[in-house]
């Protein structure tokens, strides 16, 4: 039995409409799911940022901790993705042992860690100045210099 052409076209049209309706429903459902994910993602991001700010703030208050955080970050960024990353990092660390042990390096690492902590705090919306205790002796020096400059009118 041969169906007339218009019947075949009508069936194709109906199937196309049904599929188009299914696609619309899938898109609407996907949009709802995305809208539900967004607040969760924002909360997770803020929590991670707050934890990072706390951890970095704590590490920045002690030179030894700051150097450890800095070296771990350096290892992860420069050597972490390669298969022989740990071996090459240890080799780099041995080659630069004197530099790493220097006072200048530990001071610089501490300042870097403190800066990253400040960036995290800024991203969280904290606007008040850090307290001297959060900065260790380096921060006290900077804060006293700032007060001295204000007192002198510089």
Protein backbone atom coordinates (compact mmCIF):
# COMPACT_ATOMS: atom_id res chain seq x y z
CA UNK A 1 0.00 0.00 0.00
CA UNK A 2 1.47 3.26 -1.09
CA UNK A 3 0.82 6.33 1.09
CA UNK A 4 0.13 9.62 -0.59
CA UNK A 5 2.92 12.16 -0.52
CA UNK A 6 1.01 14.63 1.67
CA UNK A 7 0.48 11.94 4.35
CA UNK A 8 4.21 11.20 4.41
CA UNK A 9 5.00 14.92 4.60
CA UNK A 10 2.45 15.37 7.41
CA UNK A 11 4.06 12.54 9.40
CA UNK A 12 7.53 14.04 8.88
CA UNK A 13 6.19 17.43 9.97
CA UNK A 14 4.61 15.97 13.14
CA UNK A 15 7.78 14.07 14.06
CA UNK A 16 9.83 17.25 13.52
CA UNK A 17 7.46 19.25 15.76
CA UNK A 18 7.62 16.64 18.51
CA UNK A 19 11.43 16.57 18.40
CA UNK A 20 11.60 20.37 18.40
CA UNK A 21 9.38 20.42 21.50
CA UNK A 22 11.67 17.85 23.19
CA UNK A 23 14.72 19.99 22.37
CA UNK A 24 13.00 23.06 23.87
CA UNK A 25 12.23 21.11 27.04
CA UNK A 26 15.83 19.86 27.23
CA UNK A 27 17.15 23.39 26.82
CA UNK A 28 14.80 24.73 29.49
CA UNK A 29 15.81 21.95 31.85
CA UNK A 30 19.50 22.58 31.14
CA UNK A 31 19.04 26.30 31.80
CA UNK A 32 17.35 25.57 35.14
CA UNK A 33 20.22 23.26 36.10
CA UNK A 34 22.78 25.90 35.16
CA UNK A 35 20.97 28.52 37.20
CA UNK A 36 21.01 26.16 40.19
CA UNK A 37 24.73 25.46 39.76
CA UNK A 38 25.75 29.13 39.68
CA UNK A 39 25.03 29.97 43.36
CA UNK A 40 26.68 26.73 44.49
CA UNK A 41 29.76 27.54 42.42
CA UNK A 42 29.89 31.07 43.86
CA UNK A 43 29.66 29.71 47.40
CA UNK A 44 32.40 27.15 46.78
CA UNK A 45 34.62 29.82 45.22
CA UNK A 46 34.12 32.21 48.14
CA UNK A 47 34.80 29.44 50.67
CA UNK A 48 37.99 28.43 48.86
CA UNK A 49 39.11 32.04 48.63
CA UNK A 50 38.44 32.62 52.34
CA UNK A 51 40.38 29.47 53.28
CA UNK A 52 43.26 30.49 51.02
CA UNK A 53 43.33 33.98 52.52
CA UNK A 54 43.43 32.55 56.06
CA UNK A 55 46.13 30.01 55.22
CA UNK A 56 48.27 32.54 53.37
CA UNK A 57 47.79 35.12 56.10
CA UNK A 58 48.99 32.60 58.66
CA UNK A 59 51.95 31.51 56.49
CA UNK A 60 52.88 35.14 55.82
CA UNK A 61 53.31 35.85 59.51
CA UNK A 62 56.23 33.38 59.79
CA UNK A 63 59.25 33.37 57.46
CA UNK A 64 59.75 29.60 57.64
CA UNK A 65 56.10 28.88 56.75
CA UNK A 66 56.19 31.51 54.01
CA UNK A 67 59.25 29.90 52.41
CA UNK A 68 57.59 26.48 52.56
CA UNK A 69 54.42 27.79 50.91
CA UNK A 70 56.45 29.65 48.29
CA UNK A 71 58.60 26.60 47.46
CA UNK A 72 55.56 24.33 47.27
CA UNK A 73 53.82 26.76 44.92
CA UNK A 74 56.95 27.12 42.82
CA UNK A 75 57.28 23.34 42.56
CA UNK A 76 53.64 22.94 41.52
CA UNK A 77 53.81 25.64 38.87
CA UNK A 78 57.26 25.04 37.41
CA UNK A 79 57.73 21.29 37.83
CA UNK A 80 54.41 19.74 38.88
CA UNK A 81 53.01 18.82 35.49
CA UNK A 82 56.04 17.01 34.14
CA UNK A 83 56.52 13.32 34.74
CA UNK A 84 59.96 13.91 36.27
CA UNK A 85 58.81 17.10 38.04
CA UNK A 86 59.73 16.10 41.60
CA UNK A 87 63.21 14.98 40.56
CA UNK A 88 63.87 18.20 38.65
CA UNK A 89 62.51 20.27 41.55
CA UNK A 90 64.84 18.56 44.01
CA UNK A 91 67.73 19.16 41.63
CA UNK A 92 66.76 22.84 41.32
CA UNK A 93 66.50 23.08 45.11
CA UNK A 94 70.01 21.63 45.58
CA UNK A 95 71.44 23.97 42.94
CA UNK A 96 69.85 26.98 44.66
CA UNK A 97 70.37 25.88 48.26
CA UNK A 98 72.42 28.93 49.25
CA UNK A 99 69.91 31.36 47.74
CA UNK A 100 66.98 29.61 49.39
CA UNK A 101 68.71 29.70 52.78
CA UNK A 102 69.50 33.42 52.52
CA UNK A 103 67.73 36.07 54.56
CA UNK A 104 66.87 37.98 51.37
CA UNK A 105 65.07 34.96 49.91
CA UNK A 106 63.07 34.28 53.06
CA UNK A 107 62.11 37.95 53.35
CA UNK A 108 61.10 38.08 49.68
CA UNK A 109 59.09 34.84 49.99
CA UNK A 110 57.35 36.20 53.07
CA UNK A 111 56.45 39.41 51.25
CA UNK A 112 55.16 37.46 48.24
CA UNK A 113 52.97 35.26 50.42
CA UNK A 114 51.66 38.30 52.31
CA UNK A 115 50.87 40.02 49.02
CA UNK A 116 48.92 37.02 47.71
CA UNK A 117 47.02 36.89 51.02
CA UNK A 118 46.12 40.55 50.56
CA UNK A 119 44.93 39.88 47.02
CA UNK A 120 42.68 37.09 48.32
CA UNK A 121 41.33 39.37 51.05
CA UNK A 122 40.72 42.11 48.48
CA UNK A 123 38.83 39.63 46.29
CA UNK A 124 36.68 38.73 49.30
CA UNK A 125 35.81 42.39 49.69
CA UNK A 126 37.88 43.17 52.76
CA UNK A 127 38.85 46.81 52.62
CA UNK A 128 40.40 47.54 55.99
CA UNK A 129 44.14 47.78 56.42
CA UNK A 130 45.95 44.70 57.74
CA UNK A 131 46.88 44.74 61.39
CA UNK A 132 50.56 44.85 62.34
CA UNK A 133 50.35 41.39 63.91
CA UNK A 134 49.35 39.90 60.56
CA UNK A 135 52.57 41.08 58.96
CA UNK A 136 55.22 40.02 61.47
CA UNK A 137 58.30 42.19 61.95
CA UNK A 138 58.41 43.26 58.27
CA UNK A 139 54.92 44.67 58.50
CA UNK A 140 55.75 46.52 61.70
CA UNK A 141 58.67 48.17 59.95
CA UNK A 142 56.50 49.20 56.99
CA UNK A 143 53.71 50.45 59.26
CA UNK A 144 56.13 52.42 61.45
CA UNK A 145 57.72 53.95 58.34
CA UNK A 146 54.26 54.91 57.12
CA UNK A 147 53.39 56.53 60.44
CA UNK A 148 56.76 58.29 60.47
CA UNK A 149 56.15 59.64 56.96
CA UNK A 150 52.68 60.86 57.93
CA UNK A 151 54.10 62.54 61.01
CA UNK A 152 56.76 64.26 58.90
CA UNK A 153 54.19 65.23 56.27
CA UNK A 154 55.89 63.24 53.47
